[in-house]
Amino acid sequence: MAEYVIIGGGVYGSGVAYWLSQNGADVRLLEAKRIGNGASAGPGRRGTRANGRDLRELPLVRLAHEIWPTLHEHLEVPQFFERTGHLLLIEREQDIALCEARALLQNQYGTETHVLGAGQVHEMEPGLSQNIIGALHCPLDGASDHTAVTEAFANAARRAGAEISENTVAQRLEINGGRVDAVVTSNGERIEVGKRLFILANAGVNALVCDRVSLPIWSRTFQVLLTKPMQSKPFKHLMGHASRTLALKSEPDNRIMISGGLPGVWNAETERGTALEASISANLADAISVYPDLAAAEIEVADADHLESSAIDNIPIIDRVSGVDNALYAAGWCGHGWAIAPPLTQMLVEWALTDTRPALLAPFSQDRFGAVN
């Protein structure tokens, strides 16, 4: 038996294991494959941005901006976060008003944000296409190495006494009298839950809770492209775009990540994803239209191997399992839960230890959908 059992060894499961262990709790984490294998894995780095966020996530992003720069010190590892700032690029006049509204909202929630004119954005990034007429600038945004972060959380949790079981598939829950008594694994092991169960397996959450609640989430995989090393780094900021499905990041060794949310194709039998040639071409064409120097880029990696869960309203669902007092779950990260992981994992632990939902998590309740059973 463990006091706290966690299903899922991505950044959320590993983060919760760490914060719990720091509080002296008895923790066991179950990961179906290996730590950081699923949505927390993949090539390149992950953006940690406020720009363009749903307003319900903005208070969490403000807290994340405070935590990310020094998180590595708590985990006793080298720095894994780089504060680059984020530019949401504008090509169309009709998008300027939208970005002005976003800037107003983000500033009201405590995240410094500016709308830049053409001259300002081209001074900051001289290689931009002349089609770019402005940008929404959030200087506190940045990027972090997701593999390093997830492994650092898990290793720090182990040092604090957590037991982490890789290649351990949670198959079903034993629920009696309104509480989870145990998790039963695919090899028949019965792991008793002393105090609380966390179900943080991302795309695997629905299968474990569907007997209790039907969630408006589904799974999909997104394409990520990584170039071969270029002669020089063409830009320094994290990039998004107001009207194109495009995101750009500078990676080590002058490589460039090109992404933004174009879908790949997932094979449920092989548990592998495939990037589509048409999407690869479209993503690269958009990147070149924004940064003409990327015409010289050669794609080295086209990855769609990491399944994400998406909620119908594009923000996560974080709640108790219906009718089960001692089980919390989180799912539906929509491909951008990474940035808010540091404060949110701490809040999940606070919820478990105090049995009180933190106020900032109330907007993510399943109740926002009405009757979901």
Protein backbone atom coordinates (compact mmCIF):
# COMPACT_ATOMS: atom_id res chain seq x y z
CA MET A 1 0.00 0.00 0.00
CA ALA A 2 1.05 3.60 -0.66
CA GLU A 3 -0.59 6.66 0.87
CA TYR A 4 -0.69 8.36 -2.54
CA VAL A 5 -0.79 6.50 -5.85
CA ILE A 6 -0.22 8.38 -9.13
CA ILE A 7 -1.08 7.02 -12.57
CA GLY A 8 1.01 8.64 -15.29
CA GLY A 9 4.69 9.55 -15.42
CA GLY A 10 4.65 12.66 -17.56
CA VAL A 11 5.38 16.14 -16.25
CA TYR A 12 2.15 16.19 -14.21
CA GLY A 13 2.53 12.79 -12.59
CA SER A 14 6.24 13.33 -11.92
CA GLY A 15 5.62 16.85 -10.63
CA VAL A 16 2.91 15.72 -8.24
CA ALA A 17 5.16 12.87 -7.04
CA TYR A 18 7.90 15.41 -6.31
CA TRP A 19 5.78 17.92 -4.40
CA LEU A 20 4.09 15.17 -2.39
CA SER A 21 7.43 13.59 -1.52
CA GLN A 22 8.74 16.98 -0.43
CA ASN A 23 5.86 17.02 2.06
CA GLY A 24 7.00 13.68 3.49
CA ALA A 25 4.21 11.66 1.87
CA ASP A 26 4.46 7.97 0.94
CA VAL A 27 4.17 7.98 -2.88
CA ARG A 28 4.03 5.38 -5.63
CA LEU A 29 3.91 6.44 -9.28
CA LEU A 30 2.80 4.03 -12.04
CA GLU A 31 3.97 4.69 -15.61
CA ALA A 32 2.82 2.46 -18.46
CA LYS A 33 6.07 2.84 -20.37
CA ARG A 34 8.88 5.04 -19.14
CA ILE A 35 9.05 8.43 -17.45
CA GLY A 36 8.35 11.24 -19.90
CA ASN A 37 7.31 8.90 -22.70
CA GLY A 38 3.96 10.30 -23.83
CA ALA A 39 2.82 13.87 -24.35
CA SER A 40 5.72 15.11 -22.20
CA ALA A 41 8.20 13.67 -24.72
CA GLY A 42 9.23 14.52 -28.27
CA PRO A 43 11.91 16.52 -30.05
CA GLY A 44 13.00 20.05 -29.22
CA ARG A 45 11.71 22.21 -26.37
CA ARG A 46 8.26 23.29 -25.21
CA GLY A 47 7.01 26.83 -25.13
CA THR A 48 5.97 28.40 -21.82
CA ARG A 49 3.75 31.20 -23.02
CA ALA A 50 0.97 33.47 -21.83
CA ASN A 51 0.31 34.93 -25.28
CA GLY A 52 -3.02 33.79 -26.67
CA ARG A 53 -4.06 31.85 -23.56
CA ASP A 54 -7.64 31.32 -22.43
CA LEU A 55 -8.37 33.86 -19.70
CA ARG A 56 -9.04 31.06 -17.18
CA GLU A 57 -5.43 29.92 -17.53
CA LEU A 58 -3.85 33.37 -17.20
CA PRO A 59 -3.62 33.38 -13.37
CA LEU A 60 -1.75 30.06 -13.57
CA VAL A 61 0.61 31.42 -16.23
CA ARG A 62 1.42 34.42 -14.05
CA LEU A 63 2.47 32.04 -11.27
CA ALA A 64 4.38 29.87 -13.75
CA HIS A 65 6.38 32.90 -14.91
CA GLU A 66 7.59 33.28 -11.32
CA ILE A 67 8.47 29.60 -10.87
CA TRP A 68 10.13 28.56 -14.14
CA PRO A 69 13.39 30.59 -13.85
CA THR A 70 14.44 28.96 -10.55
CA LEU A 71 12.68 25.58 -10.70
CA HIS A 72 15.93 23.84 -11.64
CA GLU A 73 17.46 24.95 -8.35
CA HIS A 74 14.76 23.13 -6.37
CA LEU A 75 15.30 20.02 -8.48
CA GLU A 76 19.12 20.28 -8.21
CA VAL A 77 19.78 20.13 -11.95
CA PRO A 78 21.25 22.51 -14.57
CA GLN A 79 19.06 25.31 -15.94
CA PHE A 80 16.40 24.00 -18.36
CA PHE A 81 14.37 27.19 -18.90
CA GLU A 82 15.24 30.07 -21.22
CA ARG A 83 13.30 33.34 -21.06
CA THR A 84 13.22 34.36 -24.72
CA GLY A 85 9.99 36.34 -24.85
CA HIS A 86 7.17 35.47 -27.22
CA LEU A 87 6.04 37.28 -30.36
CA LEU A 88 2.59 36.57 -31.77
CA LEU A 89 3.12 37.82 -35.30
CA ILE A 90 0.52 39.88 -37.14
CA GLU A 91 0.14 39.89 -40.95
CA ARG A 92 -3.45 41.13 -41.30
CA GLU A 93 -4.87 44.50 -40.29
CA GLN A 94 -7.97 42.84 -38.84
CA ASP A 95 -5.84 41.02 -36.26
CA ILE A 96 -4.45 44.19 -34.68
CA ALA A 97 -7.63 44.91 -32.69
CA LEU A 98 -7.73 41.31 -31.44
CA CYS A 99 -4.13 41.56 -30.24
CA GLU A 100 -4.86 44.89 -28.53
CA ALA A 101 -7.71 43.19 -26.67
CA ARG A 102 -5.44 40.29 -25.71
CA ALA A 103 -2.79 42.70 -24.44
CA LEU A 104 -5.38 44.46 -22.27
CA LEU A 105 -6.57 41.14 -20.83
CA GLN A 106 -3.10 39.73 -20.18
CA ASN A 107 -1.92 42.92 -18.48
CA GLN A 108 -5.03 42.92 -16.28
CA TYR A 109 -4.06 39.39 -15.16
CA GLY A 110 -0.54 40.49 -14.25
CA THR A 111 1.38 39.41 -17.36
CA GLU A 112 3.31 42.21 -19.05
CA THR A 113 2.25 42.38 -22.70
CA HIS A 114 2.71 44.95 -25.49
CA VAL A 115 1.38 45.42 -29.01
CA LEU A 116 4.30 46.29 -31.30
CA GLY A 117 4.17 48.15 -34.57
CA ALA A 118 6.00 47.05 -37.70
CA GLY A 119 9.11 49.10 -36.94
CA GLN A 120 9.44 47.74 -33.42
CA VAL A 121 9.01 44.09 -34.34
CA HIS A 122 11.43 44.32 -37.29
CA GLU A 123 14.00 45.97 -35.06
CA MET A 124 13.69 43.07 -32.61
CA GLU A 125 13.77 40.43 -35.37
CA PRO A 126 15.41 41.82 -38.53
CA GLY A 127 14.92 38.61 -40.52
CA LEU A 128 11.15 38.78 -40.50
CA SER A 129 9.25 39.03 -43.76
CA GLN A 130 8.06 42.50 -44.67
CA ASN A 131 4.54 41.05 -44.59
CA ILE A 132 4.69 41.18 -40.78
CA ILE A 133 3.00 44.43 -39.69
CA GLY A 134 3.20 44.00 -35.91
CA ALA A 135 3.22 41.56 -33.02
CA LEU A 136 1.86 40.86 -29.57
CA HIS A 137 4.94 40.73 -27.32
CA CYS A 138 5.09 38.95 -23.96
CA PRO A 139 8.66 39.34 -22.65
CA LEU A 140 8.25 36.84 -19.77
CA ASP A 141 7.46 33.87 -22.02
CA GLY A 142 10.12 31.34 -22.92
CA ALA A 143 10.91 27.68 -23.55
CA SER A 144 12.05 24.71 -21.51
CA ASP A 145 13.52 21.27 -22.16
CA HIS A 146 10.55 19.01 -21.45
CA THR A 147 12.58 15.81 -21.22
CA ALA A 148 14.98 17.38 -18.71
CA VAL A 149 12.14 18.82 -16.63
CA THR A 150 10.11 15.61 -16.44
CA GLU A 151 13.15 13.48 -15.59
CA ALA A 152 14.31 16.03 -13.02
CA PHE A 153 10.93 15.91 -11.26
CA ALA A 154 10.97 12.11 -11.24
CA ASN A 155 14.57 11.84 -10.03
CA ALA A 156 14.00 14.40 -7.28
CA ALA A 157 10.88 12.48 -6.21
CA ARG A 158 12.92 9.28 -6.02
CA ARG A 159 15.53 11.00 -3.89
CA ALA A 160 12.78 12.12 -1.54
CA GLY A 161 11.54 8.54 -1.18
CA ALA A 162 8.90 8.07 -3.93
CA GLU A 163 8.64 4.64 -5.57
CA ILE A 164 8.38 4.92 -9.35
CA SER A 165 7.27 1.84 -11.28
CA GLU A 166 7.87 2.05 -15.04
CA ASN A 167 6.35 -0.42 -17.55
CA THR A 168 3.39 -0.76 -15.19
CA VAL A 169 0.00 -0.38 -16.86
CA ALA A 170 -2.96 0.67 -14.69
CA GLN A 171 -5.80 -1.41 -16.10
CA ARG A 172 -8.73 -0.71 -13.76
CA LEU A 173 -9.75 0.83 -10.46
CA GLU A 174 -11.36 -0.99 -7.54
CA ILE A 175 -14.02 1.38 -6.20
CA ASN A 176 -16.10 0.58 -3.14
CA GLY A 177 -18.26 2.81 -0.98
CA GLY A 178 -17.35 6.00 -2.77
CA ARG A 179 -13.55 5.57 -2.69
CA VAL A 180 -10.81 3.89 -4.69
CA ASP A 181 -9.42 0.98 -2.71
CA ALA A 182 -6.82 -0.15 -5.23
CA VAL A 183 -5.40 0.09 -8.73
CA VAL A 184 -5.14 -3.21 -10.59
CA THR A 185 -2.37 -3.43 -13.19
CA SER A 186 -2.29 -5.38 -16.44
CA ASN A 187 -0.09 -8.05 -14.84
CA GLY A 188 -2.57 -8.56 -12.00
CA GLU A 189 -0.80 -6.59 -9.29
CA ARG A 190 -3.21 -4.97 -6.85
CA ILE A 191 -1.84 -1.67 -5.51
CA GLU A 192 -3.81 -0.42 -2.51
CA VAL A 193 -4.51 3.30 -2.20
CA GLY A 194 -4.12 4.58 1.36
CA LYS A 195 -5.25 8.18 1.05
CA ARG A 196 -5.53 9.52 -2.50
CA LEU A 197 -5.28 8.49 -6.14
CA PHE A 198 -4.16 10.88 -8.89
CA ILE A 199 -5.10 9.92 -12.47
CA LEU A 200 -2.74 11.99 -14.63
CA ALA A 201 -2.21 9.72 -17.63
CA ASN A 202 -3.32 12.34 -20.18
CA ALA A 203 -4.81 10.45 -23.15
CA GLY A 204 -5.34 7.42 -20.89
CA VAL A 205 -7.51 9.17 -18.31
CA ASN A 206 -10.85 8.64 -20.05
CA ALA A 207 -10.55 4.85 -20.09
CA LEU A 208 -9.96 4.76 -16.33
CA VAL A 209 -12.82 7.09 -15.31
CA CYS A 210 -15.44 6.39 -18.00
CA ASP A 211 -17.53 4.19 -15.67
CA ARG A 212 -18.02 7.25 -13.45
CA VAL A 213 -17.98 10.23 -15.79
CA SER A 214 -18.05 10.77 -19.57
CA LEU A 215 -15.68 13.58 -20.44
CA PRO A 216 -15.90 15.71 -23.63
CA ILE A 217 -12.28 14.97 -24.56
CA TRP A 218 -10.63 13.10 -27.38
CA SER A 219 -7.09 12.16 -28.35
CA ARG A 220 -5.01 13.41 -31.25
CA THR A 221 -1.40 13.80 -32.25
CA PHE A 222 0.33 16.97 -33.45
CA GLN A 223 3.14 17.35 -35.94
CA VAL A 224 6.51 18.73 -34.83
CA LEU A 225 9.32 19.43 -37.33
CA LEU A 226 12.97 19.87 -36.42
CA THR A 227 15.48 21.16 -38.96
CA LYS A 228 19.08 20.17 -39.48
CA PRO A 229 21.59 22.67 -38.02
CA MET A 230 21.58 25.95 -39.92
CA GLN A 231 24.56 28.24 -40.49
CA SER A 232 23.27 30.69 -37.92
CA LYS A 233 20.27 31.17 -35.68
CA PRO A 234 17.77 33.28 -37.68
CA PHE A 235 15.77 34.54 -34.67
CA LYS A 236 15.87 34.66 -30.88
CA HIS A 237 12.23 34.86 -29.74
CA LEU A 238 9.63 32.17 -29.32
CA MET A 239 7.17 32.74 -32.18
CA GLY A 240 3.49 32.28 -32.81
CA HIS A 241 1.20 33.70 -35.46
CA ALA A 242 -2.18 35.43 -35.25
CA SER A 243 -3.57 33.91 -38.47
CA ARG A 244 -1.34 30.96 -39.47
CA THR A 245 -1.06 27.55 -37.82
CA LEU A 246 2.57 28.17 -37.01
CA ALA A 247 4.98 28.21 -34.08
CA LEU A 248 8.76 28.63 -34.29
CA LYS A 249 11.47 28.00 -31.70
CA SER A 250 15.24 28.26 -31.83
CA GLU A 251 16.81 25.03 -30.62
CA PRO A 252 20.40 24.14 -29.64
CA ASP A 253 22.97 23.78 -32.45
CA ASN A 254 21.08 26.31 -34.62
CA ARG A 255 18.22 23.90 -35.24
CA ILE A 256 14.70 25.29 -35.65
CA MET A 257 11.47 23.73 -34.43
CA ILE A 258 8.47 24.31 -36.69
CA SER A 259 5.07 23.39 -35.25
CA GLY A 260 1.80 25.08 -34.35
CA GLY A 261 -0.86 22.39 -34.18
CA LEU A 262 -1.13 20.64 -37.55
CA PRO A 263 -2.38 17.09 -36.94
CA GLY A 264 -0.62 13.83 -37.62
CA VAL A 265 -2.22 10.39 -37.95
CA TRP A 266 -2.26 8.05 -34.95
CA ASN A 267 -2.18 4.25 -35.23
CA ALA A 268 -3.83 2.83 -32.09
CA GLU A 269 -2.47 -0.68 -32.72
CA THR A 270 1.19 0.32 -32.95
CA GLU A 271 0.80 3.34 -30.65
CA ARG A 272 2.78 5.37 -33.14
CA GLY A 273 1.98 8.52 -35.06
CA THR A 274 2.86 9.62 -38.59
CA ALA A 275 3.42 13.14 -39.87
CA LEU A 276 1.66 13.86 -43.15
CA GLU A 277 3.68 14.99 -46.17
CA ALA A 278 1.08 17.62 -47.06
CA SER A 279 1.21 19.03 -43.53
CA ILE A 280 5.00 19.01 -43.50
CA SER A 281 5.03 21.02 -46.73
CA ALA A 282 2.35 23.42 -45.46
CA ASN A 283 4.13 24.00 -42.12
CA LEU A 284 7.45 24.66 -43.85
CA ALA A 285 5.84 26.98 -46.41
CA ASP A 286 4.27 29.06 -43.63
CA ALA A 287 7.60 29.22 -41.82
CA ILE A 288 9.38 30.46 -44.95
CA SER A 289 6.67 33.07 -45.56
CA VAL A 290 7.38 34.49 -42.09
CA TYR A 291 11.18 34.01 -42.11
CA PRO A 292 12.49 33.91 -45.70
CA ASP A 293 15.89 32.62 -44.51
CA LEU A 294 14.20 29.35 -43.58
CA ALA A 295 14.05 28.53 -47.30
CA ALA A 296 17.50 27.04 -46.71
CA ALA A 297 16.25 24.78 -43.91
CA GLU A 298 16.25 21.00 -44.28
CA ILE A 299 13.86 18.94 -42.19
CA GLU A 300 15.69 16.35 -40.07
CA VAL A 301 12.80 15.12 -37.88
CA ALA A 302 9.07 14.98 -38.61
CA ASP A 303 7.47 13.72 -35.40
CA ALA A 304 3.84 12.88 -34.58
CA ASP A 305 4.51 10.14 -32.03
CA HIS A 306 3.06 11.70 -28.90
CA LEU A 307 -0.66 11.45 -28.22
CA GLU A 308 -2.37 14.45 -26.63
CA SER A 309 -5.81 14.75 -25.06
CA SER A 310 -8.00 17.68 -26.06
CA ALA A 311 -11.05 19.09 -24.30
CA ILE A 312 -13.94 20.50 -26.27
CA ASP A 313 -13.38 24.05 -24.96
CA ASN A 314 -9.57 23.91 -25.25
CA ILE A 315 -8.70 24.10 -21.55
CA PRO A 316 -8.04 21.17 -19.21
CA ILE A 317 -10.55 19.35 -17.01
CA ILE A 318 -9.31 19.01 -13.40
CA ASP A 319 -11.63 17.51 -10.81
CA ARG A 320 -12.56 14.70 -8.47
CA VAL A 321 -13.81 11.53 -10.12
CA SER A 322 -17.60 11.69 -9.81
CA GLY A 323 -18.81 9.82 -6.74
CA VAL A 324 -15.27 8.97 -5.61
CA ASP A 325 -14.00 10.99 -2.67
CA ASN A 326 -10.31 10.08 -2.89
CA ALA A 327 -9.54 10.29 -6.63
CA LEU A 328 -8.44 13.39 -8.56
CA TYR A 329 -7.86 13.50 -12.30
CA ALA A 330 -6.60 15.95 -14.90
CA ALA A 331 -6.97 15.59 -18.67
CA GLY A 332 -7.63 17.53 -21.87
CA TRP A 333 -4.43 19.60 -21.91
CA CYS A 334 -5.03 20.43 -25.61
CA GLY A 335 -1.30 20.39 -26.36
CA HIS A 336 -0.42 23.39 -24.19
CA GLY A 337 -0.54 22.25 -20.57
CA TRP A 338 3.22 22.38 -20.32
CA ALA A 339 3.63 26.04 -19.35
CA ILE A 340 1.30 25.84 -16.34
CA ALA A 341 2.65 22.54 -14.97
CA PRO A 342 4.80 24.00 -12.12
CA PRO A 343 2.01 25.82 -10.25
CA LEU A 344 -0.71 23.38 -11.20
CA THR A 345 1.10 20.31 -9.86
CA GLN A 346 1.59 22.17 -6.58
CA MET A 347 -2.13 22.99 -6.46
CA LEU A 348 -3.09 19.37 -7.06
CA VAL A 349 -0.95 18.41 -4.08
CA GLU A 350 -2.51 21.20 -1.99
CA TRP A 351 -5.96 19.89 -2.92
CA ALA A 352 -4.99 16.35 -1.87
CA LEU A 353 -3.41 17.37 1.43
CA THR A 354 -6.14 19.81 2.52
CA ASP A 355 -9.15 18.20 0.81
CA THR A 356 -10.03 21.68 -0.49
CA ARG A 357 -9.99 22.67 -4.15
CA PRO A 358 -7.70 25.69 -4.73
CA ALA A 359 -9.74 28.63 -5.99
CA LEU A 360 -7.71 28.97 -9.20
CA LEU A 361 -8.70 25.42 -10.20
CA ALA A 362 -12.46 26.02 -9.91
CA PRO A 363 -12.84 27.12 -13.59
CA PHE A 364 -11.49 23.73 -14.73
CA SER A 365 -14.19 21.68 -13.02
CA GLN A 366 -16.15 19.13 -15.06
CA ASP A 367 -19.29 20.94 -13.87
CA ARG A 368 -18.72 23.66 -16.47
CA PHE A 369 -20.16 21.26 -19.07
CA GLY A 370 -23.38 20.70 -17.15
CA ALA A 371 -24.52 17.08 -16.91
CA VAL A 372 -21.65 14.98 -18.21
CA ASN A 373 -22.61 11.55 -16.80
